């Protein structure tokens, strides 16, 4: 059992203006979340499989509120009744050759949430998450790394997040007797690290759609 206490931003009643019609604020009446969890895991060499279950009550989620006079969207944290999570996780490293290795992480999940808008809402979701890293050791102290992730559609409280993913790559060169390294990285190569956030509960007159951009394609060069 563990306790999650609301952050300062969750509680502070100040207002953050995201744009003239979209505001975010805190909720000083927010209560901590209590999580009861159990986990079982099994190792087979360097492979790992685990099964975990969590029951969170009360949970902390975000609730949109529409000011009908000003037509502004005000989002604040709220306590929902409970959330249940069930996850099956696999950690699968493979050494293909002495110069090529792969680390794979795969998760399959189920979630059920009892939350609230103008009336109680029960949501349920099944999804998965994939992450893979491949490392290649090349002659002359060069190495290449390729990584990527993909997340299926998933829910958080009243919201549904569309699938999203990203691919990154890097090249490294070790230099000199002191083994200094020169590294060049490209992140979010396909510029795909974004998703659509949707809250669609027509029977409670709620329809909200946001586009979240988590990052753009980036380049970095470092020497250590």
C-alpha atoms as a PDB file:
ATOM      1  CA  UNK A   1       0.000   0.000   0.000  1.00  0.00           C
ATOM      2  CA  UNK A   2       1.228   3.487  -0.800  1.00  0.00           C
ATOM      3  CA  UNK A   3      -0.095   7.019  -0.690  1.00  0.00           C
ATOM      4  CA  UNK A   4       0.138   9.654  -3.428  1.00  0.00           C
ATOM      5  CA  UNK A   5      -0.219  13.187  -2.171  1.00  0.00           C
ATOM      6  CA  UNK A   6      -1.368  15.949  -4.540  1.00  0.00           C
ATOM      7  CA  UNK A   7       1.373  18.211  -5.850  1.00  0.00           C
ATOM      8  CA  UNK A   8       1.499  21.947  -5.210  1.00  0.00           C
ATOM      9  CA  UNK A   9       0.192  22.603  -8.731  1.00  0.00           C
ATOM     10  CA  UNK A  10      -2.719  20.218  -8.106  1.00  0.00           C
ATOM     11  CA  UNK A  11      -3.742  22.183  -4.995  1.00  0.00           C
ATOM     12  CA  UNK A  12      -2.834  25.814  -5.687  1.00  0.00           C
ATOM     13  CA  UNK A  13      -5.934  27.871  -6.608  1.00  0.00           C
ATOM     14  CA  UNK A  14      -4.009  30.067  -9.051  1.00  0.00           C
ATOM     15  CA  UNK A  15      -4.962  30.258 -12.714  1.00  0.00           C
ATOM     16  CA  UNK A  16      -2.669  29.412 -15.644  1.00  0.00           C
ATOM     17  CA  UNK A  17      -3.756  30.914 -18.977  1.00  0.00           C
ATOM     18  CA  UNK A  18      -2.961  28.416 -21.751  1.00  0.00           C
ATOM     19  CA  UNK A  19      -4.766  30.710 -24.199  1.00  0.00           C
ATOM     20  CA  UNK A  20      -7.551  33.331 -23.847  1.00  0.00           C
ATOM     21  CA  UNK A  21     -10.247  30.631 -23.690  1.00  0.00           C
ATOM     22  CA  UNK A  22      -8.357  27.789 -21.939  1.00  0.00           C
ATOM     23  CA  UNK A  23      -7.355  27.961 -18.276  1.00  0.00           C
ATOM     24  CA  UNK A  24      -5.932  25.552 -15.728  1.00  0.00           C
ATOM     25  CA  UNK A  25      -6.216  25.824 -11.968  1.00  0.00           C
ATOM     26  CA  UNK A  26      -5.744  23.815  -8.788  1.00  0.00           C
ATOM     27  CA  UNK A  27      -8.183  22.309  -6.316  1.00  0.00           C
ATOM     28  CA  UNK A  28      -7.407  22.994  -2.629  1.00  0.00           C
ATOM     29  CA  UNK A  29     -10.003  20.370  -1.600  1.00  0.00           C
ATOM     30  CA  UNK A  30      -8.162  17.548  -3.376  1.00  0.00           C
ATOM     31  CA  UNK A  31      -7.585  14.435  -1.240  1.00  0.00           C
ATOM     32  CA  UNK A  32      -4.584  12.038  -1.416  1.00  0.00           C
ATOM     33  CA  UNK A  33      -4.854   8.794  -3.367  1.00  0.00           C
ATOM     34  CA  UNK A  34      -4.359   5.432  -1.677  1.00  0.00           C
ATOM     35  CA  UNK A  35      -3.038   2.599  -3.856  1.00  0.00           C
ATOM     36  CA  UNK A  36      -3.265  -1.088  -2.947  1.00  0.00           C
ATOM     37  CA  UNK A  37      -1.078  -3.114  -5.283  1.00  0.00           C
ATOM     38  CA  UNK A  38       0.193  -6.640  -5.771  1.00  0.00           C
ATOM     39  CA  UNK A  39       2.879  -7.831  -8.166  1.00  0.00           C
ATOM     40  CA  UNK A  40       4.224 -11.224  -9.225  1.00  0.00           C
ATOM     41  CA  UNK A  41       7.266 -11.719 -11.454  1.00  0.00           C
ATOM     42  CA  UNK A  42       9.244 -14.585 -12.954  1.00  0.00           C
ATOM     43  CA  UNK A  43      12.802 -14.556 -14.300  1.00  0.00           C
ATOM     44  CA  UNK A  44      14.097 -16.921 -16.950  1.00  0.00           C
ATOM     45  CA  UNK A  45      17.727 -16.031 -17.419  1.00  0.00           C
ATOM     46  CA  UNK A  46      17.768 -12.363 -18.348  1.00  0.00           C
ATOM     47  CA  UNK A  47      14.106 -12.441 -19.449  1.00  0.00           C
ATOM     48  CA  UNK A  48      11.412 -11.157 -17.093  1.00  0.00           C
ATOM     49  CA  UNK A  49       7.633 -11.428 -17.066  1.00  0.00           C
ATOM     50  CA  UNK A  50       5.507  -9.723 -14.426  1.00  0.00           C
ATOM     51  CA  UNK A  51       1.824  -9.357 -13.605  1.00  0.00           C
ATOM     52  CA  UNK A  52       0.640  -6.424 -11.504  1.00  0.00           C
ATOM     53  CA  UNK A  53      -2.712  -5.211 -10.185  1.00  0.00           C
ATOM     54  CA  UNK A  54      -3.487  -1.846  -8.587  1.00  0.00           C
ATOM     55  CA  UNK A  55      -6.617  -0.446  -6.959  1.00  0.00           C
ATOM     56  CA  UNK A  56      -6.566   3.327  -6.414  1.00  0.00           C
ATOM     57  CA  UNK A  57      -9.215   5.063  -4.306  1.00  0.00           C
ATOM     58  CA  UNK A  58      -9.830   7.892  -4.509  1.00  0.00           C
ATOM     59  CA  UNK A  59      -7.976   8.516  -7.766  1.00  0.00           C
ATOM     60  CA  UNK A  60      -6.818  11.930  -8.992  1.00  0.00           C
ATOM     61  CA  UNK A  61      -7.880  12.937 -12.504  1.00  0.00           C
ATOM     62  CA  UNK A  62      -8.550  16.081 -14.512  1.00  0.00           C
ATOM     63  CA  UNK A  63     -12.066  17.500 -14.915  1.00  0.00           C
ATOM     64  CA  UNK A  64     -13.001  20.054 -17.583  1.00  0.00           C
ATOM     65  CA  UNK A  65     -15.461  22.804 -16.656  1.00  0.00           C
ATOM     66  CA  UNK A  66     -17.114  25.135 -19.151  1.00  0.00           C
ATOM     67  CA  UNK A  67     -17.942  28.650 -17.945  1.00  0.00           C
ATOM     68  CA  UNK A  68     -21.162  29.275 -19.857  1.00  0.00           C
ATOM     69  CA  UNK A  69     -20.981  33.037 -19.362  1.00  0.00           C
ATOM     70  CA  UNK A  70     -17.422  33.561 -20.684  1.00  0.00           C
ATOM     71  CA  UNK A  71     -17.272  30.362 -22.787  1.00  0.00           C
ATOM     72  CA  UNK A  72     -13.954  29.478 -21.182  1.00  0.00           C
ATOM     73  CA  UNK A  73     -12.632  25.978 -20.535  1.00  0.00           C
ATOM     74  CA  UNK A  74     -11.261  25.635 -17.005  1.00  0.00           C
ATOM     75  CA  UNK A  75      -9.501  22.384 -16.132  1.00  0.00           C
ATOM     76  CA  UNK A  76      -8.756  21.326 -12.557  1.00  0.00           C
ATOM     77  CA  UNK A  77      -7.808  18.156 -10.712  1.00  0.00           C
ATOM     78  CA  UNK A  78     -10.570  16.243  -8.966  1.00  0.00           C
ATOM     79  CA  UNK A  79     -10.969  13.067  -6.944  1.00  0.00           C
ATOM     80  CA  UNK A  80     -12.733  10.232  -8.717  1.00  0.00           C
ATOM     81  CA  UNK A  81     -14.193   7.204  -6.961  1.00  0.00           C
ATOM     82  CA  UNK A  82     -11.603   4.586  -7.960  1.00  0.00           C
ATOM     83  CA  UNK A  83      -9.397   3.188 -10.724  1.00  0.00           C
ATOM     84  CA  UNK A  84      -8.270  -0.393 -11.300  1.00  0.00           C
ATOM     85  CA  UNK A  85      -5.190  -1.366 -13.331  1.00  0.00           C
ATOM     86  CA  UNK A  86      -4.053  -4.807 -14.487  1.00  0.00           C
ATOM     87  CA  UNK A  87      -0.756  -5.068 -16.375  1.00  0.00           C
ATOM     88  CA  UNK A  88       1.196  -7.917 -17.959  1.00  0.00           C
ATOM     89  CA  UNK A  89       4.790  -6.842 -18.663  1.00  0.00           C
ATOM     90  CA  UNK A  90       7.595  -8.507 -20.578  1.00  0.00           C
ATOM     91  CA  UNK A  91      11.282  -7.509 -20.539  1.00  0.00           C
ATOM     92  CA  UNK A  92      13.019  -9.354 -23.386  1.00  0.00           C
ATOM     93  CA  UNK A  93      16.694  -8.617 -24.082  1.00  0.00           C
ATOM     94  CA  UNK A  94      18.391 -10.472 -26.927  1.00  0.00           C
ATOM     95  CA  UNK A  95      22.015 -10.647 -28.036  1.00  0.00           C
ATOM     96  CA  UNK A  96      21.897 -11.402 -31.755  1.00  0.00           C
ATOM     97  CA  UNK A  97      25.653 -11.259 -32.290  1.00  0.00           C
ATOM     98  CA  UNK A  98      28.566  -9.811 -30.341  1.00  0.00           C
ATOM     99  CA  UNK A  99      27.983  -6.508 -32.166  1.00  0.00           C
ATOM    100  CA  UNK A 100      24.154  -6.381 -32.111  1.00  0.00           C
ATOM    101  CA  UNK A 101      21.843  -6.469 -29.078  1.00  0.00           C
ATOM    102  CA  UNK A 102      18.170  -5.617 -28.587  1.00  0.00           C
ATOM    103  CA  UNK A 103      16.138  -4.677 -25.531  1.00  0.00           C
ATOM    104  CA  UNK A 104      12.365  -5.105 -25.883  1.00  0.00           C
ATOM    105  CA  UNK A 105       9.732  -4.048 -23.338  1.00  0.00           C
ATOM    106  CA  UNK A 106       6.098  -4.968 -23.951  1.00  0.00           C
ATOM    107  CA  UNK A 107       3.108  -4.178 -21.737  1.00  0.00           C
ATOM    108  CA  UNK A 108      -0.517  -5.219 -22.049  1.00  0.00           C
ATOM    109  CA  UNK A 109      -2.971  -3.419 -19.812  1.00  0.00           C
ATOM    110  CA  UNK A 110      -6.590  -3.247 -18.675  1.00  0.00           C
ATOM    111  CA  UNK A 111      -8.123  -0.332 -16.833  1.00  0.00           C
ATOM    112  CA  UNK A 112     -11.504   0.415 -15.328  1.00  0.00           C
ATOM    113  CA  UNK A 113     -12.308   3.824 -13.833  1.00  0.00           C
ATOM    114  CA  UNK A 114     -15.283   5.177 -11.934  1.00  0.00           C
ATOM    115  CA  UNK A 115     -15.171   8.931 -12.292  1.00  0.00           C
ATOM    116  CA  UNK A 116     -17.582  11.864 -12.419  1.00  0.00           C
ATOM    117  CA  UNK A 117     -18.572  14.763 -14.665  1.00  0.00           C
ATOM    118  CA  UNK A 118     -22.132  15.953 -14.033  1.00  0.00           C
ATOM    119  CA  UNK A 119     -23.050  12.367 -13.116  1.00  0.00           C
ATOM    120  CA  UNK A 120     -21.064   9.168 -12.465  1.00  0.00           C
ATOM    121  CA  UNK A 121     -19.134   7.792 -15.455  1.00  0.00           C
ATOM    122  CA  UNK A 122     -17.597   4.315 -15.774  1.00  0.00           C
ATOM    123  CA  UNK A 123     -14.911   3.790 -18.412  1.00  0.00           C
ATOM    124  CA  UNK A 124     -12.949   0.704 -19.431  1.00  0.00           C
ATOM    125  CA  UNK A 125      -9.936   0.333 -21.673  1.00  0.00           C
ATOM    126  CA  UNK A 126      -7.552  -2.315 -22.995  1.00  0.00           C
ATOM    127  CA  UNK A 127      -4.246  -1.330 -24.541  1.00  0.00           C
ATOM    128  CA  UNK A 128      -0.590  -2.071 -25.038  1.00  0.00           C
ATOM    129  CA  UNK A 129       2.786  -0.344 -25.067  1.00  0.00           C
ATOM    130  CA  UNK A 130       5.906  -1.338 -27.023  1.00  0.00           C
ATOM    131  CA  UNK A 131       9.451  -0.061 -26.569  1.00  0.00           C
ATOM    132  CA  UNK A 132      12.588  -1.339 -28.313  1.00  0.00           C
ATOM    133  CA  UNK A 133      16.251  -0.305 -28.305  1.00  0.00           C
ATOM    134  CA  UNK A 134      18.804  -1.744 -30.735  1.00  0.00           C
ATOM    135  CA  UNK A 135      22.541  -1.190 -30.315  1.00  0.00           C
ATOM    136  CA  UNK A 136      25.150  -1.876 -33.000  1.00  0.00           C
ATOM    137  CA  UNK A 137      28.903  -1.945 -32.231  1.00  0.00           C
ATOM    138  CA  UNK A 138      30.869  -1.033 -35.375  1.00  0.00           C
ATOM    139  CA  UNK A 139      34.591  -1.016 -36.250  1.00  0.00           C
ATOM    140  CA  UNK A 140      36.840   1.924 -35.332  1.00  0.00           C
ATOM    141  CA  UNK A 141      34.976   2.583 -32.060  1.00  0.00           C
ATOM    142  CA  UNK A 142      31.733   3.620 -33.731  1.00  0.00           C
ATOM    143  CA  UNK A 143      28.311   2.590 -32.403  1.00  0.00           C
ATOM    144  CA  UNK A 144      24.739   3.183 -33.526  1.00  0.00           C
ATOM    145  CA  UNK A 145      21.584   3.142 -31.407  1.00  0.00           C
ATOM    146  CA  UNK A 146      18.014   2.953 -32.711  1.00  0.00           C
ATOM    147  CA  UNK A 147      15.033   3.215 -30.366  1.00  0.00           C
ATOM    148  CA  UNK A 148      11.317   3.637 -30.630  1.00  0.00           C
ATOM    149  CA  UNK A 149       8.028   3.274 -28.819  1.00  0.00           C
ATOM    150  CA  UNK A 150       4.356   2.885 -29.648  1.00  0.00           C
ATOM    151  CA  UNK A 151       1.391   3.340 -27.333  1.00  0.00           C
ATOM    152  CA  UNK A 152      -2.092   2.228 -28.284  1.00  0.00           C
ATOM    153  CA  UNK A 153      -5.212   4.197 -27.427  1.00  0.00           C
ATOM    154  CA  UNK A 154      -5.641   4.594 -23.679  1.00  0.00           C
ATOM    155  CA  UNK A 155      -7.893   6.331 -21.161  1.00  0.00           C
ATOM    156  CA  UNK A 156      -7.298   8.643 -18.240  1.00  0.00           C
ATOM    157  CA  UNK A 157     -10.396   9.588 -16.311  1.00  0.00           C
ATOM    158  CA  UNK A 158     -12.849  11.258 -18.699  1.00  0.00           C
ATOM    159  CA  UNK A 159     -10.284  11.463 -21.506  1.00  0.00           C
ATOM    160  CA  UNK A 160      -9.225   9.166 -24.336  1.00  0.00           C
ATOM    161  CA  UNK A 161      -5.720   9.541 -25.812  1.00  0.00           C
ATOM    162  CA  UNK A 162      -5.186   8.464 -29.412  1.00  0.00           C
ATOM    163  CA  UNK A 163      -2.273   6.127 -30.327  1.00  0.00           C
ATOM    164  CA  UNK A 164       1.165   7.723 -30.593  1.00  0.00           C
ATOM    165  CA  UNK A 165       4.798   6.776 -31.006  1.00  0.00           C
ATOM    166  CA  UNK A 166       8.272   7.970 -31.862  1.00  0.00           C
ATOM    167  CA  UNK A 167      11.606   6.801 -33.324  1.00  0.00           C
ATOM    168  CA  UNK A 168      15.048   8.083 -32.232  1.00  0.00           C
ATOM    169  CA  UNK A 169      18.567   7.369 -33.496  1.00  0.00           C
ATOM    170  CA  UNK A 170      22.107   8.137 -32.397  1.00  0.00           C
ATOM    171  CA  UNK A 171      25.709   7.676 -33.554  1.00  0.00           C
ATOM    172  CA  UNK A 172      28.659   7.639 -31.163  1.00  0.00           C
ATOM    173  CA  UNK A 173      32.405   7.707 -31.746  1.00  0.00           C
ATOM    174  CA  UNK A 174      34.996   7.042 -29.033  1.00  0.00           C
ATOM    175  CA  UNK A 175      38.057   9.229 -29.466  1.00  0.00           C
ATOM    176  CA  UNK A 176      41.596   9.105 -28.125  1.00  0.00           C
ATOM    177  CA  UNK A 177      43.258   7.267 -25.272  1.00  0.00           C
ATOM    178  CA  UNK A 178      41.040   8.975 -22.688  1.00  0.00           C
ATOM    179  CA  UNK A 179      38.028   7.459 -24.424  1.00  0.00           C
ATOM    180  CA  UNK A 180      36.240  10.721 -25.010  1.00  0.00           C
ATOM    181  CA  UNK A 181      32.971  10.374 -26.913  1.00  0.00           C
ATOM    182  CA  UNK A 182      31.377  12.373 -29.694  1.00  0.00           C
ATOM    183  CA  UNK A 183      27.627  11.742 -29.969  1.00  0.00           C
ATOM    184  CA  UNK A 184      25.068  12.858 -32.524  1.00  0.00           C
ATOM    185  CA  UNK A 185      21.379  12.192 -31.803  1.00  0.00           C
ATOM    186  CA  UNK A 186      18.146  12.681 -33.734  1.00  0.00           C
ATOM    187  CA  UNK A 187      14.938  12.504 -31.703  1.00  0.00           C
ATOM    188  CA  UNK A 188      11.374  12.057 -32.919  1.00  0.00           C
ATOM    189  CA  UNK A 189      12.562  11.384 -36.482  1.00  0.00           C
ATOM    190  CA  UNK A 190       9.068  11.026 -37.943  1.00  0.00           C
ATOM    191  CA  UNK A 191       7.708  13.993 -35.945  1.00  0.00           C
ATOM    192  CA  UNK A 192       5.037  11.602 -34.666  1.00  0.00           C
ATOM    193  CA  UNK A 193       5.256  12.175 -30.895  1.00  0.00           C
ATOM    194  CA  UNK A 194       1.754  13.649 -30.608  1.00  0.00           C
ATOM    195  CA  UNK A 195      -1.768  12.501 -29.840  1.00  0.00           C
ATOM    196  CA  UNK A 196      -5.386  13.638 -29.771  1.00  0.00           C
ATOM    197  CA  UNK A 197      -7.081  13.990 -26.380  1.00  0.00           C
ATOM    198  CA  UNK A 198     -10.846  13.478 -26.550  1.00  0.00           C
ATOM    199  CA  UNK A 199     -13.606  13.667 -23.958  1.00  0.00           C
ATOM    200  CA  UNK A 200     -16.890  12.569 -25.532  1.00  0.00           C
ATOM    201  CA  UNK A 201     -19.839  11.956 -23.200  1.00  0.00           C
ATOM    202  CA  UNK A 202     -22.879  13.203 -25.162  1.00  0.00           C
ATOM    203  CA  UNK A 203     -25.407  12.182 -22.527  1.00  0.00           C
ATOM    204  CA  UNK A 204     -23.724  14.674 -20.149  1.00  0.00           C
ATOM    205  CA  UNK A 205     -23.242  17.351 -22.835  1.00  0.00           C
ATOM    206  CA  UNK A 206     -19.440  16.973 -22.898  1.00  0.00           C
ATOM    207  CA  UNK A 207     -17.413  17.084 -26.108  1.00  0.00           C
ATOM    208  CA  UNK A 208     -13.813  18.273 -25.946  1.00  0.00           C
ATOM    209  CA  UNK A 209     -10.903  17.680 -28.312  1.00  0.00           C
ATOM    210  CA  UNK A 210      -7.281  18.762 -27.839  1.00  0.00           C
ATOM    211  CA  UNK A 211      -4.174  18.066 -29.888  1.00  0.00           C
ATOM    212  CA  UNK A 212      -1.131  17.323 -27.716  1.00  0.00           C
ATOM    213  CA  UNK A 213       2.344  17.755 -29.223  1.00  0.00           C
ATOM    214  CA  UNK A 214       4.963  16.185 -26.923  1.00  0.00           C
ATOM    215  CA  UNK A 215       7.974  17.239 -29.009  1.00  0.00           C
ATOM    216  CA  UNK A 216       9.318  18.053 -32.448  1.00  0.00           C
ATOM    217  CA  UNK A 217      12.161  16.496 -34.412  1.00  0.00           C
ATOM    218  CA  UNK A 218      15.376  17.503 -32.661  1.00  0.00           C
ATOM    219  CA  UNK A 219      19.117  17.249 -33.237  1.00  0.00           C
ATOM    220  CA  UNK A 220      21.907  17.285 -30.671  1.00  0.00           C
ATOM    221  CA  UNK A 221      25.678  17.019 -30.760  1.00  0.00           C
ATOM    222  CA  UNK A 222      27.714  16.444 -27.607  1.00  0.00           C
ATOM    223  CA  UNK A 223      31.335  15.801 -26.677  1.00  0.00           C
ATOM    224  CA  UNK A 224      32.439  14.342 -23.352  1.00  0.00           C
END
